[in-house]
């Protein structure tokens, strides 16, 4: 088994620090996408609730033509918001940033565990671990 020299430990520690930084970067991106998603999801929820209530409960008070216009307008507004969210790829970016943050964090933990074990307990070749 190849020995773990200081150069390999130094390189692995640099990769670990970079992984932690990238994990934090992707975590911040995740929260910014989640915040942006609220600006699309909340209006859709409110508009669809109001449109549904209006189409069912407004018939004694409003003309059917007006109810149809309100329902159609609300549906168009909801469709526009969902289309913009889809165009901006917010949901996919949200999932991607979450996955990347988690993977970089796990990588940094794995490197930390290996480089802090005594040489005889590492159980892996230094070059193989570095390449992996």
N, C-alpha and C. Protein backbone atom coordinates (compact mmCIF):
# COMPACT_ATOMS: atom_id res chain seq x y z
N UNK A 1 0.85 -1.17 0.00
CA UNK A 1 0.00 0.00 0.00
C UNK A 1 0.90 1.24 0.00
N UNK A 2 0.53 2.19 -0.83
CA UNK A 2 1.30 3.42 -0.95
C UNK A 2 1.15 4.28 0.30
N UNK A 3 2.26 4.93 0.67
CA UNK A 3 2.21 5.75 1.88
C UNK A 3 1.51 7.08 1.61
N UNK A 4 0.99 7.62 2.67
CA UNK A 4 0.29 8.91 2.61
C UNK A 4 1.30 9.99 2.99
N UNK A 5 1.82 10.69 1.99
CA UNK A 5 2.79 11.73 2.29
C UNK A 5 2.10 13.08 2.49
N UNK A 6 2.89 14.05 2.90
CA UNK A 6 2.34 15.37 3.22
C UNK A 6 1.74 16.07 2.00
N UNK A 7 2.30 15.82 0.84
CA UNK A 7 1.78 16.45 -0.38
C UNK A 7 0.35 15.98 -0.68
N UNK A 8 0.13 14.67 -0.56
CA UNK A 8 -1.20 14.13 -0.82
C UNK A 8 -2.19 14.65 0.22
N UNK A 9 -1.77 14.70 1.48
CA UNK A 9 -2.64 15.23 2.54
C UNK A 9 -2.97 16.69 2.25
N UNK A 10 -1.97 17.47 1.81
CA UNK A 10 -2.19 18.88 1.51
C UNK A 10 -3.17 19.05 0.35
N UNK A 11 -3.00 18.25 -0.69
CA UNK A 11 -3.92 18.31 -1.85
C UNK A 11 -5.33 17.94 -1.42
N UNK A 12 -5.45 16.88 -0.64
CA UNK A 12 -6.77 16.45 -0.18
C UNK A 12 -7.42 17.50 0.73
N UNK A 13 -6.62 18.13 1.55
CA UNK A 13 -7.17 19.17 2.41
C UNK A 13 -7.64 20.37 1.58
N UNK A 14 -6.92 20.72 0.52
CA UNK A 14 -7.35 21.79 -0.38
C UNK A 14 -8.66 21.42 -1.09
N UNK A 15 -8.76 20.17 -1.51
CA UNK A 15 -10.00 19.71 -2.15
C UNK A 15 -11.15 19.75 -1.15
N UNK A 16 -10.86 19.39 0.09
CA UNK A 16 -11.88 19.42 1.14
C UNK A 16 -12.38 20.84 1.38
N UNK A 17 -11.45 21.79 1.46
CA UNK A 17 -11.84 23.20 1.68
C UNK A 17 -12.64 23.71 0.48
N UNK A 18 -12.20 23.37 -0.73
CA UNK A 18 -12.94 23.79 -1.92
C UNK A 18 -14.33 23.17 -1.94
N UNK A 19 -14.44 21.92 -1.52
CA UNK A 19 -15.74 21.26 -1.47
C UNK A 19 -16.67 21.94 -0.48
N UNK A 20 -16.13 22.33 0.66
CA UNK A 20 -16.94 23.05 1.64
C UNK A 20 -17.41 24.39 1.08
N UNK A 21 -16.51 25.10 0.39
CA UNK A 21 -16.88 26.38 -0.21
C UNK A 21 -17.95 26.20 -1.28
N UNK A 22 -17.80 25.18 -2.11
CA UNK A 22 -18.80 24.92 -3.15
C UNK A 22 -20.13 24.47 -2.55
N UNK A 23 -20.06 23.72 -1.48
CA UNK A 23 -21.29 23.31 -0.80
C UNK A 23 -22.04 24.53 -0.29
N UNK A 24 -21.33 25.46 0.31
CA UNK A 24 -21.95 26.68 0.81
C UNK A 24 -22.49 27.53 -0.33
N UNK A 25 -21.76 27.61 -1.44
CA UNK A 25 -22.20 28.37 -2.62
C UNK A 25 -23.52 27.80 -3.16
N UNK A 26 -23.58 26.47 -3.31
CA UNK A 26 -24.79 25.84 -3.84
C UNK A 26 -25.94 25.91 -2.83
N UNK A 27 -25.61 25.88 -1.55
CA UNK A 27 -26.64 26.02 -0.53
C UNK A 27 -27.28 27.41 -0.60
N UNK A 28 -26.45 28.44 -0.77
CA UNK A 28 -26.98 29.80 -0.91
C UNK A 28 -27.82 29.92 -2.18
N UNK A 29 -27.36 29.31 -3.28
CA UNK A 29 -28.15 29.32 -4.51
C UNK A 29 -29.49 28.62 -4.32
N UNK A 30 -29.48 27.52 -3.59
CA UNK A 30 -30.72 26.79 -3.32
C UNK A 30 -31.72 27.71 -2.62
N UNK A 31 -31.26 28.42 -1.59
CA UNK A 31 -32.17 29.30 -0.86
C UNK A 31 -32.63 30.48 -1.70
N UNK A 32 -31.79 30.97 -2.58
CA UNK A 32 -32.23 32.07 -3.45
C UNK A 32 -33.27 31.58 -4.45
N UNK A 33 -33.10 30.37 -4.99
CA UNK A 33 -34.12 29.81 -5.89
C UNK A 33 -35.41 29.52 -5.14
N UNK A 34 -35.28 29.07 -3.90
CA UNK A 34 -36.47 28.79 -3.10
C UNK A 34 -37.23 30.09 -2.82
N UNK A 35 -36.50 31.15 -2.55
CA UNK A 35 -37.12 32.46 -2.31
C UNK A 35 -37.80 32.96 -3.59
N UNK A 36 -37.13 32.80 -4.72
CA UNK A 36 -37.70 33.22 -6.00
C UNK A 36 -38.96 32.40 -6.34
N UNK A 37 -38.94 31.14 -5.98
CA UNK A 37 -40.09 30.27 -6.25
C UNK A 37 -41.34 30.74 -5.53
N UNK A 38 -41.17 31.35 -4.36
CA UNK A 38 -42.32 31.85 -3.61
C UNK A 38 -43.08 32.91 -4.39
N UNK A 39 -42.36 33.72 -5.16
CA UNK A 39 -43.01 34.79 -5.91
C UNK A 39 -43.90 34.25 -7.04
N UNK A 40 -43.72 33.00 -7.37
CA UNK A 40 -44.57 32.37 -8.38
C UNK A 40 -45.64 31.49 -7.74
N UNK A 41 -45.26 30.76 -6.71
CA UNK A 41 -46.18 29.79 -6.11
C UNK A 41 -47.31 30.43 -5.31
N UNK A 42 -46.98 31.41 -4.51
CA UNK A 42 -48.00 32.03 -3.66
C UNK A 42 -49.08 32.73 -4.48
N UNK A 43 -48.73 33.54 -5.51
CA UNK A 43 -49.80 34.13 -6.32
C UNK A 43 -50.66 33.09 -7.05
N UNK A 44 -50.04 31.99 -7.46
CA UNK A 44 -50.81 30.93 -8.12
C UNK A 44 -51.82 30.33 -7.14
N UNK A 45 -51.41 30.08 -5.92
CA UNK A 45 -52.31 29.51 -4.91
C UNK A 45 -53.46 30.47 -4.61
N UNK A 46 -53.12 31.72 -4.39
CA UNK A 46 -54.15 32.71 -4.05
C UNK A 46 -55.11 32.92 -5.21
N UNK A 47 -54.58 33.07 -6.42
CA UNK A 47 -55.42 33.32 -7.59
C UNK A 47 -56.32 32.13 -7.89
N UNK A 48 -55.78 30.93 -7.81
CA UNK A 48 -56.62 29.76 -8.10
C UNK A 48 -57.71 29.58 -7.05
N UNK A 49 -57.40 29.90 -5.80
CA UNK A 49 -58.42 29.82 -4.75
C UNK A 49 -59.53 30.84 -4.97
N UNK A 50 -59.14 32.07 -5.27
CA UNK A 50 -60.14 33.11 -5.51
C UNK A 50 -60.97 32.82 -6.77
N UNK A 51 -60.31 32.35 -7.82
CA UNK A 51 -61.03 32.04 -9.06
C UNK A 51 -62.01 30.90 -8.85
N UNK A 52 -61.60 29.89 -8.12
CA UNK A 52 -62.50 28.77 -7.84
C UNK A 52 -63.69 29.20 -7.00
N UNK A 53 -63.43 30.02 -6.00
CA UNK A 53 -64.52 30.52 -5.15
C UNK A 53 -65.47 31.41 -5.95
N UNK A 54 -64.91 32.23 -6.81
CA UNK A 54 -65.72 33.13 -7.62
C UNK A 54 -66.59 32.35 -8.60
N UNK A 55 -66.02 31.34 -9.24
CA UNK A 55 -66.78 30.61 -10.24
C UNK A 55 -67.91 29.79 -9.61
N UNK A 56 -67.75 29.38 -8.38
CA UNK A 56 -68.78 28.57 -7.73
C UNK A 56 -69.76 29.44 -6.93
N UNK A 57 -69.24 30.42 -6.21
CA UNK A 57 -70.10 31.12 -5.27
C UNK A 57 -70.60 32.48 -5.71
N UNK A 58 -70.19 32.99 -6.85
CA UNK A 58 -70.58 34.34 -7.25
C UNK A 58 -71.82 34.37 -8.13
N UNK A 59 -72.37 33.22 -8.50
CA UNK A 59 -73.50 33.20 -9.42
C UNK A 59 -74.74 33.95 -8.91
N UNK A 60 -75.05 33.96 -7.63
CA UNK A 60 -76.21 34.74 -7.19
C UNK A 60 -75.97 36.26 -7.26
N UNK A 61 -74.72 36.68 -7.29
CA UNK A 61 -74.41 38.10 -7.19
C UNK A 61 -73.96 38.72 -8.51
N UNK A 62 -73.36 37.93 -9.39
CA UNK A 62 -72.81 38.45 -10.64
C UNK A 62 -73.39 37.72 -11.84
N UNK A 63 -73.34 38.38 -12.96
CA UNK A 63 -73.78 37.80 -14.23
C UNK A 63 -72.81 36.69 -14.63
N UNK A 64 -73.31 35.64 -15.26
CA UNK A 64 -72.47 34.51 -15.65
C UNK A 64 -71.35 34.93 -16.60
N UNK A 65 -71.62 35.90 -17.47
CA UNK A 65 -70.59 36.38 -18.38
C UNK A 65 -69.42 36.99 -17.64
N UNK A 66 -69.69 37.76 -16.60
CA UNK A 66 -68.62 38.36 -15.78
C UNK A 66 -67.85 37.29 -15.02
N UNK A 67 -68.56 36.30 -14.53
CA UNK A 67 -67.91 35.20 -13.81
C UNK A 67 -66.98 34.45 -14.76
N UNK A 68 -67.42 34.24 -15.99
CA UNK A 68 -66.58 33.56 -16.98
C UNK A 68 -65.33 34.38 -17.32
N UNK A 69 -65.48 35.69 -17.43
CA UNK A 69 -64.33 36.57 -17.72
C UNK A 69 -63.33 36.52 -16.57
N UNK A 70 -63.81 36.57 -15.34
CA UNK A 70 -62.93 36.52 -14.17
C UNK A 70 -62.20 35.18 -14.11
N UNK A 71 -62.92 34.10 -14.33
CA UNK A 71 -62.30 32.77 -14.30
C UNK A 71 -61.26 32.61 -15.40
N UNK A 72 -61.61 33.09 -16.61
CA UNK A 72 -60.68 33.01 -17.73
C UNK A 72 -59.44 33.86 -17.47
N UNK A 73 -59.61 35.06 -16.94
CA UNK A 73 -58.48 35.94 -16.64
C UNK A 73 -57.58 35.34 -15.57
N UNK A 74 -58.19 34.76 -14.56
CA UNK A 74 -57.40 34.11 -13.50
C UNK A 74 -56.61 32.94 -14.06
N UNK A 75 -57.25 32.15 -14.91
CA UNK A 75 -56.56 31.01 -15.53
C UNK A 75 -55.39 31.46 -16.40
N UNK A 76 -55.60 32.54 -17.14
CA UNK A 76 -54.51 33.08 -17.97
C UNK A 76 -53.35 33.57 -17.09
N UNK A 77 -53.67 34.25 -15.99
CA UNK A 77 -52.65 34.74 -15.08
C UNK A 77 -51.86 33.58 -14.47
N UNK A 78 -52.56 32.55 -14.05
CA UNK A 78 -51.91 31.36 -13.48
C UNK A 78 -51.02 30.70 -14.52
N UNK A 79 -51.51 30.57 -15.75
CA UNK A 79 -50.73 29.95 -16.82
C UNK A 79 -49.48 30.76 -17.12
N UNK A 80 -49.60 32.07 -17.14
CA UNK A 80 -48.43 32.92 -17.40
C UNK A 80 -47.39 32.74 -16.29
N UNK A 81 -47.83 32.76 -15.03
CA UNK A 81 -46.88 32.58 -13.93
C UNK A 81 -46.20 31.22 -13.99
N UNK A 82 -46.96 30.17 -14.23
CA UNK A 82 -46.36 28.83 -14.32
C UNK A 82 -45.43 28.71 -15.51
N UNK A 83 -45.77 29.35 -16.62
CA UNK A 83 -44.91 29.31 -17.80
C UNK A 83 -43.59 30.03 -17.56
N UNK A 84 -43.66 31.17 -16.88
CA UNK A 84 -42.43 31.90 -16.56
C UNK A 84 -41.56 31.08 -15.62
N UNK A 85 -42.18 30.46 -14.63
CA UNK A 85 -41.42 29.62 -13.70
C UNK A 85 -40.78 28.44 -14.44
N UNK A 86 -41.52 27.86 -15.35
CA UNK A 86 -40.98 26.77 -16.15
C UNK A 86 -39.86 27.25 -17.07
N UNK A 87 -40.04 28.42 -17.68
CA UNK A 87 -39.02 28.99 -18.56
C UNK A 87 -37.73 29.27 -17.80
N UNK A 88 -37.86 29.80 -16.60
CA UNK A 88 -36.68 30.09 -15.78
C UNK A 88 -36.08 28.83 -15.15
N UNK A 89 -36.76 27.72 -15.29
CA UNK A 89 -36.27 26.43 -14.83
C UNK A 89 -36.03 26.42 -13.32
N UNK A 90 -36.89 27.08 -12.59
CA UNK A 90 -36.68 27.27 -11.15
C UNK A 90 -36.75 25.95 -10.40
N UNK A 91 -37.70 25.11 -10.70
CA UNK A 91 -37.84 23.85 -9.96
C UNK A 91 -36.64 22.93 -10.18
N UNK A 92 -36.19 22.82 -11.41
CA UNK A 92 -35.02 21.98 -11.69
C UNK A 92 -33.76 22.55 -11.06
N UNK A 93 -33.60 23.87 -11.12
CA UNK A 93 -32.44 24.50 -10.50
C UNK A 93 -32.46 24.33 -8.99
N UNK A 94 -33.63 24.39 -8.41
CA UNK A 94 -33.79 24.20 -6.98
C UNK A 94 -33.31 22.80 -6.58
N UNK A 95 -33.73 21.80 -7.30
CA UNK A 95 -33.33 20.42 -7.02
C UNK A 95 -31.84 20.22 -7.29
N UNK A 96 -31.35 20.78 -8.38
CA UNK A 96 -29.94 20.64 -8.73
C UNK A 96 -29.03 21.28 -7.68
N UNK A 97 -29.37 22.47 -7.23
CA UNK A 97 -28.55 23.15 -6.22
C UNK A 97 -28.57 22.39 -4.91
N UNK A 98 -29.70 21.84 -4.55
CA UNK A 98 -29.79 21.04 -3.33
C UNK A 98 -28.90 19.80 -3.42
N UNK A 99 -28.96 19.11 -4.55
CA UNK A 99 -28.13 17.91 -4.75
C UNK A 99 -26.64 18.25 -4.73
N UNK A 100 -26.27 19.33 -5.41
CA UNK A 100 -24.86 19.70 -5.48
C UNK A 100 -24.34 20.09 -4.10
N UNK A 101 -25.11 20.85 -3.35
CA UNK A 101 -24.68 21.25 -2.00
C UNK A 101 -24.45 20.02 -1.13
N UNK A 102 -25.37 19.06 -1.21
CA UNK A 102 -25.25 17.85 -0.41
C UNK A 102 -24.05 17.01 -0.84
N UNK A 103 -23.84 16.86 -2.15
CA UNK A 103 -22.72 16.05 -2.64
C UNK A 103 -21.37 16.65 -2.27
N UNK A 104 -21.23 17.96 -2.40
CA UNK A 104 -19.96 18.59 -2.03
C UNK A 104 -19.71 18.49 -0.53
N UNK A 105 -20.76 18.61 0.25
CA UNK A 105 -20.61 18.49 1.70
C UNK A 105 -20.19 17.07 2.09
N UNK A 106 -20.81 16.07 1.48
CA UNK A 106 -20.46 14.68 1.77
C UNK A 106 -19.01 14.41 1.35
N UNK A 107 -18.60 14.94 0.21
CA UNK A 107 -17.22 14.77 -0.24
C UNK A 107 -16.25 15.37 0.77
N UNK A 108 -16.54 16.55 1.26
CA UNK A 108 -15.64 17.18 2.24
C UNK A 108 -15.58 16.36 3.53
N UNK A 109 -16.70 15.77 3.93
CA UNK A 109 -16.71 14.92 5.13
C UNK A 109 -15.89 13.65 4.92
N UNK A 110 -16.03 13.03 3.76
CA UNK A 110 -15.26 11.82 3.47
C UNK A 110 -13.77 12.10 3.48
N UNK A 111 -13.38 13.20 2.87
CA UNK A 111 -11.95 13.56 2.85
C UNK A 111 -11.47 13.85 4.28
N UNK A 112 -12.28 14.57 5.04
CA UNK A 112 -11.90 14.90 6.42
C UNK A 112 -11.69 13.63 7.24
N UNK A 113 -12.61 12.67 7.09
CA UNK A 113 -12.49 11.43 7.85
C UNK A 113 -11.21 10.68 7.49
N UNK A 114 -10.92 10.59 6.21
CA UNK A 114 -9.75 9.82 5.76
C UNK A 114 -8.45 10.50 6.21
N UNK A 115 -8.34 11.81 6.02
CA UNK A 115 -7.05 12.45 6.33
C UNK A 115 -6.81 12.57 7.84
N UNK A 116 -7.83 12.40 8.65
CA UNK A 116 -7.64 12.46 10.09
C UNK A 116 -7.49 11.09 10.74
N UNK A 117 -7.56 10.04 9.95
CA UNK A 117 -7.29 8.70 10.48
C UNK A 117 -5.79 8.45 10.46
N UNK A 118 -5.31 7.61 11.36
CA UNK A 118 -3.90 7.20 11.26
C UNK A 118 -3.65 6.43 9.96
N UNK A 119 -2.43 6.50 9.45
CA UNK A 119 -2.09 5.86 8.16
C UNK A 119 -2.50 4.40 8.10
N UNK A 120 -2.29 3.65 9.16
CA UNK A 120 -2.56 2.21 9.13
C UNK A 120 -4.05 1.89 9.14
N UNK A 121 -4.90 2.84 9.51
CA UNK A 121 -6.34 2.59 9.58
C UNK A 121 -7.10 3.13 8.36
N UNK A 122 -6.42 3.74 7.45
CA UNK A 122 -7.11 4.32 6.29
C UNK A 122 -7.64 3.24 5.36
N UNK A 123 -6.92 2.19 5.14
CA UNK A 123 -7.40 1.05 4.37
C UNK A 123 -7.59 1.31 2.89
N UNK A 124 -6.97 2.34 2.36
CA UNK A 124 -7.08 2.64 0.93
C UNK A 124 -5.76 3.25 0.49
N UNK A 125 -5.45 2.96 -0.76
CA UNK A 125 -4.24 3.51 -1.37
C UNK A 125 -4.40 5.02 -1.54
N UNK A 126 -3.35 5.76 -1.21
CA UNK A 126 -3.44 7.23 -1.27
C UNK A 126 -3.71 7.74 -2.68
N UNK A 127 -3.07 7.16 -3.69
CA UNK A 127 -3.28 7.59 -5.07
C UNK A 127 -4.70 7.27 -5.53
N UNK A 128 -5.18 6.09 -5.16
CA UNK A 128 -6.55 5.71 -5.54
C UNK A 128 -7.58 6.65 -4.90
N UNK A 129 -7.38 6.97 -3.63
CA UNK A 129 -8.32 7.85 -2.95
C UNK A 129 -8.26 9.25 -3.56
N UNK A 130 -7.07 9.73 -3.84
CA UNK A 130 -6.90 11.05 -4.43
C UNK A 130 -7.56 11.11 -5.80
N UNK A 131 -7.38 10.10 -6.61
CA UNK A 131 -7.99 10.07 -7.94
C UNK A 131 -9.51 9.94 -7.88
N UNK A 132 -9.98 9.19 -6.88
CA UNK A 132 -11.44 9.04 -6.75
C UNK A 132 -12.06 10.34 -6.33
